[in-house]
Amino acid sequence: MKAEELANILAEHSLFADCDEAELADIILRGHFVQYEKGDEMIMQGDPGNSLLILLSGNARTSMIASNGHEIVLDYAEPGQVLGEIALLDGGDRTASVTAIEPTTALTITRSAFEEILQKHKNMALRLLKVMATRIRTANTMIEGDRAYTSGPRLARYLLRLSVVGAEEGRLKLDLSQSELGNFAGMSREHINRQLSAWSEDGIVSVESGKVRILNHATLSNIANADS
């Protein structure tokens, strides 16, 4: 893989999105490629965080087991996203698990290799800190929204997070079951089913064979931004 190819894959707000060609070339040189099958655990909650992953192809689910034993789905990762960087940076254990939900390829970088890269490229660390700060701001905004919004607006916000910009037929990045949507949005399956049925009758979404499609993006956006 060449630096230009990696740059094209990296997500806009990826930890390495602002890296130049020389930095990306070193990341590729010092990393190694790993392939995962569907269902493979790419990262396990509680394990030592001695590496990070750059998702190159496929999709993965990030989740954590809460103190009550329930699984909480935090996000769905796409190619270009960096995973496992928190534990690598602070030296603590993994805060969440990452599971491949389809055949997936990733570039993994160990802590020692990452430290060598930062030693060589002195200006890289400050840029990474800025990206992390931006992500914390975004996460705080999302948490506030989840607490402030009722079930309808909350589900709308999560569906929009899963939507593919400019995609035909309003398809989502992933075809999630209603139970999976509930885990992601923090809602019961019954609430999900009731809300999707109401929106389907109003022509806002369609649900066919368990697949949700956004039919009226503007209306769903208005619902997402409605007051709680």
Protein backbone atom coordinates (compact mmCIF):
# COMPACT_ATOMS: atom_id res chain seq x y z
CA MET A 1 0.00 0.00 0.00
CA LYS A 2 1.20 3.51 -0.85
CA ALA A 3 0.79 6.64 1.27
CA GLU A 4 -1.60 8.15 -1.28
CA GLU A 5 -3.85 5.09 -1.09
CA LEU A 6 -3.98 5.27 2.70
CA ALA A 7 -4.74 9.01 2.56
CA ASN A 8 -7.73 8.30 0.32
CA ILE A 9 -9.09 5.72 2.78
CA LEU A 10 -8.68 7.74 5.98
CA ALA A 11 -11.91 9.25 7.26
CA GLU A 12 -12.24 13.04 7.46
CA HIS A 13 -11.96 13.09 11.25
CA SER A 14 -9.56 10.17 11.53
CA LEU A 15 -6.67 10.48 13.96
CA PHE A 16 -4.31 10.47 10.97
CA ALA A 17 -6.39 12.48 8.50
CA ASP A 18 -4.00 15.46 8.57
CA CYS A 19 -0.80 13.43 8.19
CA ASP A 20 1.42 14.20 5.23
CA GLU A 21 2.77 11.67 2.75
CA ALA A 22 6.03 11.05 4.63
CA GLU A 23 4.17 10.41 7.91
CA LEU A 24 1.70 8.05 6.27
CA ALA A 25 4.55 6.22 4.55
CA ASP A 26 6.17 5.59 7.94
CA ILE A 27 2.85 4.41 9.39
CA ILE A 28 2.57 1.86 6.58
CA LEU A 29 6.22 0.85 6.89
CA ARG A 30 6.05 0.26 10.65
CA GLY A 31 2.61 -1.36 10.68
CA HIS A 32 1.43 -4.75 9.50
CA PHE A 33 -1.72 -5.87 7.77
CA VAL A 34 -4.22 -8.18 9.45
CA GLN A 35 -7.33 -9.84 8.02
CA TYR A 36 -10.39 -10.69 10.11
CA GLU A 37 -13.38 -12.89 9.37
CA LYS A 38 -16.95 -11.99 10.27
CA GLY A 39 -17.39 -12.31 14.04
CA ASP A 40 -13.70 -12.05 14.88
CA GLU A 41 -12.79 -9.95 17.92
CA MET A 42 -10.38 -7.30 16.66
CA ILE A 43 -10.08 -5.66 20.08
CA MET A 44 -11.29 -7.04 23.41
CA GLN A 45 -12.52 -4.88 26.28
CA GLY A 46 -10.19 -5.16 29.28
CA ASP A 47 -7.16 -6.35 27.30
CA PRO A 48 -3.89 -4.38 27.42
CA GLY A 49 -3.90 -1.59 24.84
CA ASN A 50 -0.57 -2.09 23.13
CA SER A 51 -1.60 -1.31 19.55
CA LEU A 52 -4.11 0.57 17.41
CA LEU A 53 -5.87 -0.40 14.20
CA ILE A 54 -6.62 1.53 11.03
CA LEU A 55 -9.65 -0.04 9.36
CA LEU A 56 -8.90 -0.44 5.64
CA SER A 57 -11.90 -2.44 4.43
CA GLY A 58 -15.07 -3.93 5.86
CA ASN A 59 -17.10 -2.78 8.86
CA ALA A 60 -16.82 -3.35 12.60
CA ARG A 61 -18.98 -2.83 15.68
CA THR A 62 -17.58 -1.04 18.74
CA SER A 63 -19.31 -2.04 21.97
CA MET A 64 -18.80 -2.37 25.70
CA ILE A 65 -20.27 -4.50 28.46
CA ALA A 66 -21.80 -2.28 31.15
CA SER A 67 -21.66 -3.06 34.88
CA ASN A 68 -25.16 -4.59 34.65
CA GLY A 69 -23.93 -7.07 32.02
CA HIS A 70 -25.75 -5.45 29.11
CA GLU A 71 -23.97 -4.75 25.85
CA ILE A 72 -23.91 -1.12 24.74
CA VAL A 73 -23.16 -0.46 21.07
CA LEU A 74 -21.04 2.67 20.85
CA ASP A 75 -20.50 2.98 17.12
CA TYR A 76 -20.08 1.24 13.79
CA ALA A 77 -16.66 1.71 12.21
CA GLU A 78 -16.05 2.14 8.49
CA PRO A 79 -12.84 2.05 6.45
CA GLY A 80 -10.57 4.93 7.41
CA GLN A 81 -11.40 4.96 11.10
CA VAL A 82 -8.74 4.46 13.78
CA LEU A 83 -9.59 2.02 16.58
CA GLY A 84 -7.95 1.34 19.92
CA GLU A 85 -6.03 4.60 20.17
CA ILE A 86 -7.26 5.52 23.67
CA ALA A 87 -5.61 2.58 25.44
CA LEU A 88 -2.51 2.92 23.30
CA LEU A 89 -2.10 6.58 24.24
CA ASP A 90 -2.79 6.33 27.98
CA GLY A 91 -1.35 2.87 28.59
CA GLY A 92 -4.56 1.58 30.17
CA ASP A 93 -6.75 -1.39 29.31
CA ARG A 94 -9.13 -1.45 26.37
CA THR A 95 -12.30 0.50 27.14
CA ALA A 96 -14.41 -1.32 24.52
CA SER A 97 -14.46 -4.29 22.18
CA VAL A 98 -14.37 -4.13 18.38
CA THR A 99 -15.94 -6.99 16.40
CA ALA A 100 -15.73 -7.50 12.64
CA ILE A 101 -19.26 -7.71 11.22
CA GLU A 102 -17.99 -8.74 7.79
CA PRO A 103 -14.59 -9.76 6.34
CA THR A 104 -12.31 -6.91 7.34
CA THR A 105 -8.73 -5.75 6.77
CA ALA A 106 -6.80 -3.48 9.12
CA LEU A 107 -3.36 -1.99 9.51
CA THR A 108 -2.13 -2.47 13.08
CA ILE A 109 0.57 -0.35 14.73
CA THR A 110 2.21 -1.27 18.04
CA ARG A 111 2.92 1.27 20.77
CA SER A 112 6.67 1.04 20.20
CA ALA A 113 6.27 1.64 16.45
CA PHE A 114 3.91 4.55 17.13
CA GLU A 115 6.40 6.14 19.52
CA GLU A 116 9.14 5.80 16.89
CA ILE A 117 6.92 7.58 14.37
CA LEU A 118 6.25 10.44 16.78
CA GLN A 119 9.97 10.75 17.55
CA LYS A 120 10.76 11.06 13.86
CA HIS A 121 7.92 13.47 12.99
CA LYS A 122 8.03 16.07 15.77
CA ASN A 123 5.00 18.11 14.64
CA MET A 124 2.70 15.11 14.43
CA ALA A 125 1.93 14.87 18.16
CA LEU A 126 0.36 18.34 18.41
CA ARG A 127 -1.87 17.70 15.41
CA LEU A 128 -3.00 14.41 16.92
CA LEU A 129 -3.87 16.19 20.18
CA LYS A 130 -6.02 18.68 18.25
CA VAL A 131 -7.87 15.85 16.52
CA MET A 132 -8.47 14.12 19.87
CA ALA A 133 -9.78 17.36 21.38
CA THR A 134 -12.20 17.79 18.48
CA ARG A 135 -13.44 14.25 18.96
CA ILE A 136 -14.02 14.84 22.67
CA ARG A 137 -16.09 17.92 21.85
CA THR A 138 -18.13 15.90 19.36
CA ALA A 139 -18.64 13.07 21.84
CA ASN A 140 -19.80 15.51 24.52
CA THR A 141 -22.32 17.02 22.12
CA MET A 142 -23.66 13.58 21.24
CA ILE A 143 -23.98 12.59 24.90
CA GLU A 144 -25.86 15.79 25.67
CA GLY A 145 -28.17 15.11 22.74
CA ASP A 146 -28.86 11.55 23.83
CA ARG A 147 -29.85 12.75 27.29
CA ALA A 148 -31.92 15.69 26.09
CA TYR A 149 -33.90 14.13 23.27
CA THR A 150 -36.91 11.86 23.59
CA SER A 151 -37.09 8.51 21.81
CA GLY A 152 -38.34 9.80 18.43
CA PRO A 153 -35.70 12.50 17.92
CA ARG A 154 -33.05 10.22 19.39
CA LEU A 155 -33.78 7.42 16.90
CA ALA A 156 -33.83 9.96 14.07
CA ARG A 157 -30.38 11.20 15.08
CA TYR A 158 -28.97 7.68 15.11
CA LEU A 159 -30.48 6.83 11.74
CA LEU A 160 -28.92 9.97 10.29
CA ARG A 161 -25.56 8.92 11.76
CA LEU A 162 -25.92 5.66 9.83
CA SER A 163 -27.09 7.27 6.59
CA VAL A 164 -24.91 7.34 3.50
CA VAL A 165 -24.60 10.89 2.15
CA GLY A 166 -25.89 11.13 -1.41
CA ALA A 167 -26.88 7.46 -1.55
CA GLU A 168 -29.84 6.43 -3.67
CA GLU A 169 -32.97 5.16 -1.92
CA GLY A 170 -31.74 6.56 1.41
CA ARG A 171 -29.84 3.40 2.29
CA LEU A 172 -27.92 3.08 5.52
CA LYS A 173 -24.27 2.13 5.91
CA LEU A 174 -25.38 -1.11 7.56
CA ASP A 175 -28.57 -3.14 7.50
CA LEU A 176 -29.16 -3.45 11.24
CA SER A 177 -31.95 -5.40 12.86
CA GLN A 178 -34.36 -3.50 15.10
CA SER A 179 -32.71 -5.09 18.12
CA GLU A 180 -29.30 -3.86 16.94
CA LEU A 181 -30.72 -0.39 16.32
CA GLY A 182 -32.10 -0.46 19.85
CA ASN A 183 -28.70 -1.32 21.31
CA PHE A 184 -27.14 1.48 19.30
CA ALA A 185 -29.73 4.14 20.18
CA GLY A 186 -30.32 2.96 23.74
CA MET A 187 -33.97 2.08 23.08
CA SER A 188 -36.04 -1.06 23.43
CA ARG A 189 -36.94 -3.12 20.37
CA GLU A 190 -40.60 -2.32 21.02
CA HIS A 191 -39.92 1.44 20.92
CA ILE A 192 -37.91 1.03 17.71
CA ASN A 193 -40.66 -1.01 16.05
CA ARG A 194 -43.39 1.40 17.10
CA GLN A 195 -41.51 4.47 15.91
CA LEU A 196 -40.43 2.96 12.59
CA SER A 197 -44.01 1.81 11.92
CA ALA A 198 -45.32 5.34 12.51
CA TRP A 199 -42.66 6.88 10.27
CA SER A 200 -43.33 4.26 7.61
CA GLU A 201 -47.02 5.22 7.55
CA ASP A 202 -46.00 8.87 7.14
CA GLY A 203 -43.62 8.08 4.29
CA ILE A 204 -40.51 9.14 6.23
CA VAL A 205 -38.84 5.72 6.15
CA SER A 206 -39.52 2.31 4.67
CA VAL A 207 -38.92 -1.03 6.34
CA GLU A 208 -38.71 -4.02 4.02
CA SER A 209 -37.28 -7.40 5.03
CA GLY A 210 -35.85 -5.73 8.12
CA LYS A 211 -33.95 -3.13 6.10
CA VAL A 212 -34.58 0.53 6.90
CA ARG A 213 -34.44 3.14 4.14
CA ILE A 214 -34.76 6.90 4.66
CA LEU A 215 -37.38 8.24 2.25
CA ASN A 216 -37.65 11.81 3.51
CA HIS A 217 -34.27 12.98 4.76
CA ALA A 218 -35.42 16.56 5.40
CA THR A 219 -38.32 15.52 7.61
CA LEU A 220 -36.17 13.06 9.54
CA SER A 221 -33.61 15.85 10.10
CA ASN A 222 -36.37 18.10 11.45
CA ILE A 223 -37.45 15.34 13.84
CA ALA A 224 -33.86 14.81 14.95
CA ASN A 225 -33.53 18.49 15.85
CA ALA A 226 -36.91 18.77 17.53
CA ASP A 227 -37.05 19.81 21.17
CA SER A 228 -37.31 17.03 23.72
